[in-house]
All heavy atoms as atom14 arrays in JSON, in Angstrom:
{
  "sequence": "AITALSVAPALLLLTTSFTKIFVVLGLTRN",
  "atom14_mask": [
    [1, 1, 1, 1, 1, 0, 0, 0, 0, 0, 0, 0, 0, 0],
    [1, 1, 1, 1, 1, 1, 1, 1, 0, 0, 0, 0, 0, 0],
    [1, 1, 1, 1, 1, 1, 1, 0, 0, 0, 0, 0, 0, 0],
    [1, 1, 1, 1, 1, 0, 0, 0, 0, 0, 0, 0, 0, 0],
    [1, 1, 1, 1, 1, 1, 1, 1, 0, 0, 0, 0, 0, 0],
    [1, 1, 1, 1, 1, 1, 0, 0, 0, 0, 0, 0, 0, 0],
    [1, 1, 1, 1, 1, 1, 1, 0, 0, 0, 0, 0, 0, 0],
    [1, 1, 1, 1, 1, 0, 0, 0, 0, 0, 0, 0, 0, 0],
    [1, 1, 1, 1, 1, 1, 1, 0, 0, 0, 0, 0, 0, 0],
    [1, 1, 1, 1, 1, 0, 0, 0, 0, 0, 0, 0, 0, 0],
    [1, 1, 1, 1, 1, 1, 1, 1, 0, 0, 0, 0, 0, 0],
    [1, 1, 1, 1, 1, 1, 1, 1, 0, 0, 0, 0, 0, 0],
    [1, 1, 1, 1, 1, 1, 1, 1, 0, 0, 0, 0, 0, 0],
    [1, 1, 1, 1, 1, 1, 1, 1, 0, 0, 0, 0, 0, 0],
    [1, 1, 1, 1, 1, 1, 1, 0, 0, 0, 0, 0, 0, 0],
    [1, 1, 1, 1, 1, 1, 1, 0, 0, 0, 0, 0, 0, 0],
    [1, 1, 1, 1, 1, 1, 0, 0, 0, 0, 0, 0, 0, 0],
    [1, 1, 1, 1, 1, 1, 1, 1, 1, 1, 1, 0, 0, 0],
    [1, 1, 1, 1, 1, 1, 1, 0, 0, 0, 0, 0, 0, 0],
    [1, 1, 1, 1, 1, 1, 1, 1, 1, 0, 0, 0, 0, 0],
    [1, 1, 1, 1, 1, 1, 1, 1, 0, 0, 0, 0, 0, 0],
    [1, 1, 1, 1, 1, 1, 1, 1, 1, 1, 1, 0, 0, 0],
    [1, 1, 1, 1, 1, 1, 1, 0, 0, 0, 0, 0, 0, 0],
    [1, 1, 1, 1, 1, 1, 1, 0, 0, 0, 0, 0, 0, 0],
    [1, 1, 1, 1, 1, 1, 1, 1, 0, 0, 0, 0, 0, 0],
    [1, 1, 1, 1, 0, 0, 0, 0, 0, 0, 0, 0, 0, 0],
    [1, 1, 1, 1, 1, 1, 1, 1, 0, 0, 0, 0, 0, 0],
    [1, 1, 1, 1, 1, 1, 1, 0, 0, 0, 0, 0, 0, 0],
    [1, 1, 1, 1, 1, 1, 1, 1, 1, 1, 1, 0, 0, 0],
    [1, 1, 1, 1, 1, 1, 1, 1, 0, 0, 0, 0, 0, 0]
  ],
  "atom14_positions": [
    [[55.04, -35.65, -18.06], [53.72, -36.29, -18.18], [52.88, -36.04, -16.94], [51.67, -35.76, -17.03], [53.9, -37.79, -18.41], [0.0, 0.0, 0.0], [0.0, 0.0, 0.0], [0.0, 0.0, 0.0], [0.0, 0.0, 0.0], [0.0, 0.0, 0.0], [0.0, 0.0, 0.0], [0.0, 0.0, 0.0], [0.0, 0.0, 0.0], [0.0, 0.0, 0.0]],
    [[53.49, -36.13, -15.75], [52.75, -35.85, -14.51], [52.3, -34.4, -14.46], [51.18, -34.08, -14.04], [53.62, -36.21, -13.29], [53.89, -37.72, -13.25], [52.96, -35.75, -12.0], [54.84, -38.14, -12.16], [0.0, 0.0, 0.0], [0.0, 0.0, 0.0], [0.0, 0.0, 0.0], [0.0, 0.0, 0.0], [0.0, 0.0, 0.0], [0.0, 0.0, 0.0]],
    [[53.16, -33.48, -14.92], [52.78, -32.07, -14.95], [51.62, -31.82, -15.91], [50.68, -31.08, -15.59], [53.99, -31.22, -15.37], [55.09, -31.47, -14.48], [53.65, -29.75, -15.33], [0.0, 0.0, 0.0], [0.0, 0.0, 0.0], [0.0, 0.0, 0.0], [0.0, 0.0, 0.0], [0.0, 0.0, 0.0], [0.0, 0.0, 0.0], [0.0, 0.0, 0.0]],
    [[51.67, -32.48, -17.07], [50.57, -32.33, -18.04], [49.25, -32.86, -17.49], [48.19, -32.27, -17.69], [50.93, -33.02, -19.34], [0.0, 0.0, 0.0], [0.0, 0.0, 0.0], [0.0, 0.0, 0.0], [0.0, 0.0, 0.0], [0.0, 0.0, 0.0], [0.0, 0.0, 0.0], [0.0, 0.0, 0.0], [0.0, 0.0, 0.0], [0.0, 0.0, 0.0]],
    [[49.31, -33.98, -16.77], [48.09, -34.54, -16.19], [47.52, -33.63, -15.1], [46.3, -33.56, -14.92], [48.37, -35.93, -15.62], [48.63, -37.04, -16.65], [48.98, -38.34, -15.93], [47.43, -37.24, -17.56], [0.0, 0.0, 0.0], [0.0, 0.0, 0.0], [0.0, 0.0, 0.0], [0.0, 0.0, 0.0], [0.0, 0.0, 0.0], [0.0, 0.0, 0.0]],
    [[48.39, -32.96, -14.36], [47.91, -32.09, -13.29], [47.2, -30.85, -13.82], [46.27, -30.34, -13.18], [49.07, -31.68, -12.38], [50.04, -30.94, -13.12], [0.0, 0.0, 0.0], [0.0, 0.0, 0.0], [0.0, 0.0, 0.0], [0.0, 0.0, 0.0], [0.0, 0.0, 0.0], [0.0, 0.0, 0.0], [0.0, 0.0, 0.0], [0.0, 0.0, 0.0]],
    [[47.62, -30.35, -14.99], [46.98, -29.15, -15.57], [46.0, -29.51, -16.68], [45.44, -28.62, -17.32], [48.05, -28.18, -16.11], [48.98, -27.72, -15.01], [48.86, -28.82, -17.23], [0.0, 0.0, 0.0], [0.0, 0.0, 0.0], [0.0, 0.0, 0.0], [0.0, 0.0, 0.0], [0.0, 0.0, 0.0], [0.0, 0.0, 0.0], [0.0, 0.0, 0.0]],
    [[45.78, -30.81, -16.92], [44.88, -31.23, -17.99], [43.46, -30.72, -17.8], [42.83, -30.28, -18.78], [44.91, -32.75, -18.12], [0.0, 0.0, 0.0], [0.0, 0.0, 0.0], [0.0, 0.0, 0.0], [0.0, 0.0, 0.0], [0.0, 0.0, 0.0], [0.0, 0.0, 0.0], [0.0, 0.0, 0.0], [0.0, 0.0, 0.0], [0.0, 0.0, 0.0]],
    [[42.86, -30.75, -16.59], [41.49, -30.22, -16.45], [41.37, -28.75, -16.84], [40.41, -28.35, -17.51], [41.18, -30.44, -14.97], [42.05, -31.57, -14.55], [43.31, -31.4, -15.34], [0.0, 0.0, 0.0], [0.0, 0.0, 0.0], [0.0, 0.0, 0.0], [0.0, 0.0, 0.0], [0.0, 0.0, 0.0], [0.0, 0.0, 0.0], [0.0, 0.0, 0.0]],
    [[42.35, -27.93, -16.44], [42.3, -26.51, -16.8], [42.45, -26.32, -18.31], [41.74, -25.51, -18.92], [43.4, -25.75, -16.06], [0.0, 0.0, 0.0], [0.0, 0.0, 0.0], [0.0, 0.0, 0.0], [0.0, 0.0, 0.0], [0.0, 0.0, 0.0], [0.0, 0.0, 0.0], [0.0, 0.0, 0.0], [0.0, 0.0, 0.0], [0.0, 0.0, 0.0]],
    [[43.37, -27.08, -18.92], [43.53, -26.98, -20.38], [42.27, -27.45, -21.1], [41.88, -26.87, -22.13], [44.74, -27.81, -20.82], [46.11, -27.35, -20.3], [47.2, -28.3, -20.77], [46.41, -25.93, -20.75], [0.0, 0.0, 0.0], [0.0, 0.0, 0.0], [0.0, 0.0, 0.0], [0.0, 0.0, 0.0], [0.0, 0.0, 0.0], [0.0, 0.0, 0.0]],
    [[41.63, -28.49, -20.59], [40.42, -29.01, -21.23], [39.29, -27.99, -21.18], [38.53, -27.83, -22.14], [40.01, -30.31, -20.56], [38.74, -30.99, -21.08], [38.93, -31.46, -22.51], [38.36, -32.16, -20.18], [0.0, 0.0, 0.0], [0.0, 0.0, 0.0], [0.0, 0.0, 0.0], [0.0, 0.0, 0.0], [0.0, 0.0, 0.0], [0.0, 0.0, 0.0]],
    [[39.16, -27.29, -20.07], [38.06, -26.34, -19.9], [38.3, -25.03, -20.63], [37.36, -24.42, -21.13], [37.83, -26.07, -18.41], [37.28, -27.23, -17.57], [37.24, -26.84, -16.11], [35.91, -27.65, -18.05], [0.0, 0.0, 0.0], [0.0, 0.0, 0.0], [0.0, 0.0, 0.0], [0.0, 0.0, 0.0], [0.0, 0.0, 0.0], [0.0, 0.0, 0.0]],
    [[39.54, -24.57, -20.69], [39.83, -23.21, -21.14], [40.38, -23.11, -22.56], [40.36, -22.01, -23.13], [40.81, -22.53, -20.17], [40.35, -22.45, -18.72], [41.41, -21.77, -17.87], [39.03, -21.71, -18.61], [0.0, 0.0, 0.0], [0.0, 0.0, 0.0], [0.0, 0.0, 0.0], [0.0, 0.0, 0.0], [0.0, 0.0, 0.0], [0.0, 0.0, 0.0]],
    [[40.87, -24.18, -23.13], [41.51, -24.08, -24.45], [40.88, -25.02, -25.48], [41.42, -25.12, -26.58], [43.01, -24.39, -24.34], [43.2, -25.73, -23.85], [43.72, -23.42, -23.41], [0.0, 0.0, 0.0], [0.0, 0.0, 0.0], [0.0, 0.0, 0.0], [0.0, 0.0, 0.0], [0.0, 0.0, 0.0], [0.0, 0.0, 0.0], [0.0, 0.0, 0.0]],
    [[39.8, -25.69, -25.14], [39.14, -26.61, -26.08], [37.66, -26.25, -26.16], [37.18, -25.29, -25.54], [39.31, -28.07, -25.64], [38.63, -28.28, -24.4], [40.78, -28.43, -25.47], [0.0, 0.0, 0.0], [0.0, 0.0, 0.0], [0.0, 0.0, 0.0], [0.0, 0.0, 0.0], [0.0, 0.0, 0.0], [0.0, 0.0, 0.0], [0.0, 0.0, 0.0]],
    [[36.94, -27.06, -26.94], [35.5, -26.84, -27.13], [34.65, -27.47, -26.04], [33.42, -27.49, -26.16], [35.1, -27.41, -28.49], [35.39, -28.8, -28.56], [0.0, 0.0, 0.0], [0.0, 0.0, 0.0], [0.0, 0.0, 0.0], [0.0, 0.0, 0.0], [0.0, 0.0, 0.0], [0.0, 0.0, 0.0], [0.0, 0.0, 0.0], [0.0, 0.0, 0.0]],
    [[35.24, -27.99, -24.99], [34.49, -28.71, -23.96], [33.48, -27.8, -23.27], [32.33, -28.21, -23.03], [35.46, -29.31, -22.94], [34.79, -30.06, -21.83], [34.42, -31.39, -21.99], [34.52, -29.45, -20.61], [33.79, -32.08, -20.98], [33.9, -30.14, -19.59], [33.52, -31.47, -19.78], [0.0, 0.0, 0.0], [0.0, 0.0, 0.0], [0.0, 0.0, 0.0]],
    [[33.86, -26.59, -22.94], [32.97, -25.69, -22.19], [31.7, -25.39, -22.99], [30.58, -25.47, -22.45], [33.71, -24.39, -21.87], [34.86, -24.69, -21.07], [32.81, -23.44, -21.1], [0.0, 0.0, 0.0], [0.0, 0.0, 0.0], [0.0, 0.0, 0.0], [0.0, 0.0, 0.0], [0.0, 0.0, 0.0], [0.0, 0.0, 0.0], [0.0, 0.0, 0.0]],
    [[31.86, -25.07, -24.24], [30.68, -24.74, -25.07], [29.75, -25.93, -25.21], [28.52, -25.81, -25.05], [31.16, -24.26, -26.45], [30.05, -23.96, -27.42], [30.63, -23.51, -28.74], [29.54, -23.28, -29.78], [30.1, -22.84, -31.07], [0.0, 0.0, 0.0], [0.0, 0.0, 0.0], [0.0, 0.0, 0.0], [0.0, 0.0, 0.0], [0.0, 0.0, 0.0]],
    [[30.31, -27.11, -25.47], [29.47, -28.3, -25.68], [28.73, -28.66, -24.39], [27.53, -28.97, -24.41], [30.35, -29.46, -26.17], [30.93, -29.14, -27.53], [29.55, -30.75, -26.22], [31.91, -30.18, -28.05], [0.0, 0.0, 0.0], [0.0, 0.0, 0.0], [0.0, 0.0, 0.0], [0.0, 0.0, 0.0], [0.0, 0.0, 0.0], [0.0, 0.0, 0.0]],
    [[29.43, -28.62, -23.27], [28.79, -29.0, -22.0], [27.7, -28.01, -21.61], [26.63, -28.42, -21.11], [29.86, -29.07, -20.91], [29.34, -29.59, -19.6], [29.07, -30.94, -19.42], [29.1, -28.73, -18.54], [28.58, -31.42, -18.22], [28.62, -29.19, -17.34], [28.36, -30.54, -17.18], [0.0, 0.0, 0.0], [0.0, 0.0, 0.0], [0.0, 0.0, 0.0]],
    [[27.91, -26.72, -21.83], [26.89, -25.72, -21.5], [25.65, -25.9, -22.36], [24.5, -25.82, -21.87], [27.48, -24.31, -21.64], [26.38, -23.25, -21.53], [28.53, -24.06, -20.57], [0.0, 0.0, 0.0], [0.0, 0.0, 0.0], [0.0, 0.0, 0.0], [0.0, 0.0, 0.0], [0.0, 0.0, 0.0], [0.0, 0.0, 0.0], [0.0, 0.0, 0.0]],
    [[25.84, -26.17, -23.65], [24.68, -26.35, -24.55], [23.88, -27.59, -24.15], [22.64, -27.57, -24.11], [25.16, -26.45, -26.01], [24.02, -26.88, -26.92], [25.71, -25.11, -26.46], [0.0, 0.0, 0.0], [0.0, 0.0, 0.0], [0.0, 0.0, 0.0], [0.0, 0.0, 0.0], [0.0, 0.0, 0.0], [0.0, 0.0, 0.0], [0.0, 0.0, 0.0]],
    [[24.57, -28.68, -23.81], [23.86, -29.88, -23.39], [23.1, -29.65, -22.08], [21.98, -30.15, -21.9], [24.85, -31.04, -23.23], [25.54, -31.52, -24.51], [26.52, -32.64, -24.19], [24.53, -31.97, -25.54], [0.0, 0.0, 0.0], [0.0, 0.0, 0.0], [0.0, 0.0, 0.0], [0.0, 0.0, 0.0], [0.0, 0.0, 0.0], [0.0, 0.0, 0.0]],
    [[23.7, -28.89, -21.16], [23.01, -28.59, -19.91], [21.79, -27.71, -20.13], [20.74, -27.91, -19.49], [0.0, 0.0, 0.0], [0.0, 0.0, 0.0], [0.0, 0.0, 0.0], [0.0, 0.0, 0.0], [0.0, 0.0, 0.0], [0.0, 0.0, 0.0], [0.0, 0.0, 0.0], [0.0, 0.0, 0.0], [0.0, 0.0, 0.0], [0.0, 0.0, 0.0]],
    [[21.87, -26.71, -21.03], [20.72, -25.86, -21.32], [19.6, -26.65, -22.01], [18.41, -26.4, -21.77], [21.16, -24.69, -22.21], [22.05, -23.64, -21.53], [22.5, -22.59, -22.54], [21.33, -22.98, -20.36], [0.0, 0.0, 0.0], [0.0, 0.0, 0.0], [0.0, 0.0, 0.0], [0.0, 0.0, 0.0], [0.0, 0.0, 0.0], [0.0, 0.0, 0.0]],
    [[19.97, -27.61, -22.84], [18.96, -28.45, -23.49], [18.2, -29.27, -22.45], [16.97, -29.42, -22.53], [19.64, -29.37, -24.52], [20.34, -28.57, -25.47], [18.62, -30.23, -25.23], [0.0, 0.0, 0.0], [0.0, 0.0, 0.0], [0.0, 0.0, 0.0], [0.0, 0.0, 0.0], [0.0, 0.0, 0.0], [0.0, 0.0, 0.0], [0.0, 0.0, 0.0]],
    [[18.91, -29.81, -21.48], [18.25, -30.57, -20.42], [17.29, -29.68, -19.63], [16.17, -30.09, -19.29], [19.29, -31.2, -19.5], [18.7, -32.06, -18.41], [19.8, -32.61, -17.51], [20.53, -31.55, -16.82], [21.54, -31.76, -15.98], [21.95, -33.01, -15.74], [22.15, -30.76, -15.39], [0.0, 0.0, 0.0], [0.0, 0.0, 0.0], [0.0, 0.0, 0.0]],
    [[17.71, -28.44, -19.34], [16.83, -27.53, -18.6], [15.62, -27.1, -19.43], [14.53, -26.88, -18.9], [17.61, -26.31, -18.14], [18.66, -26.65, -17.11], [18.54, -27.64, -16.39], [19.71, -25.84, -17.03], [0.0, 0.0, 0.0], [0.0, 0.0, 0.0], [0.0, 0.0, 0.0], [0.0, 0.0, 0.0], [0.0, 0.0, 0.0], [0.0, 0.0, 0.0]]
  ]
}
């Protein structure tokens, strides 16, 4: 569990839809 928590940010950014959603929201604000 501790190992999973330590690599959770990298997994969230690189293997999920988080990057696409965050970039689109940032471009909308700009």
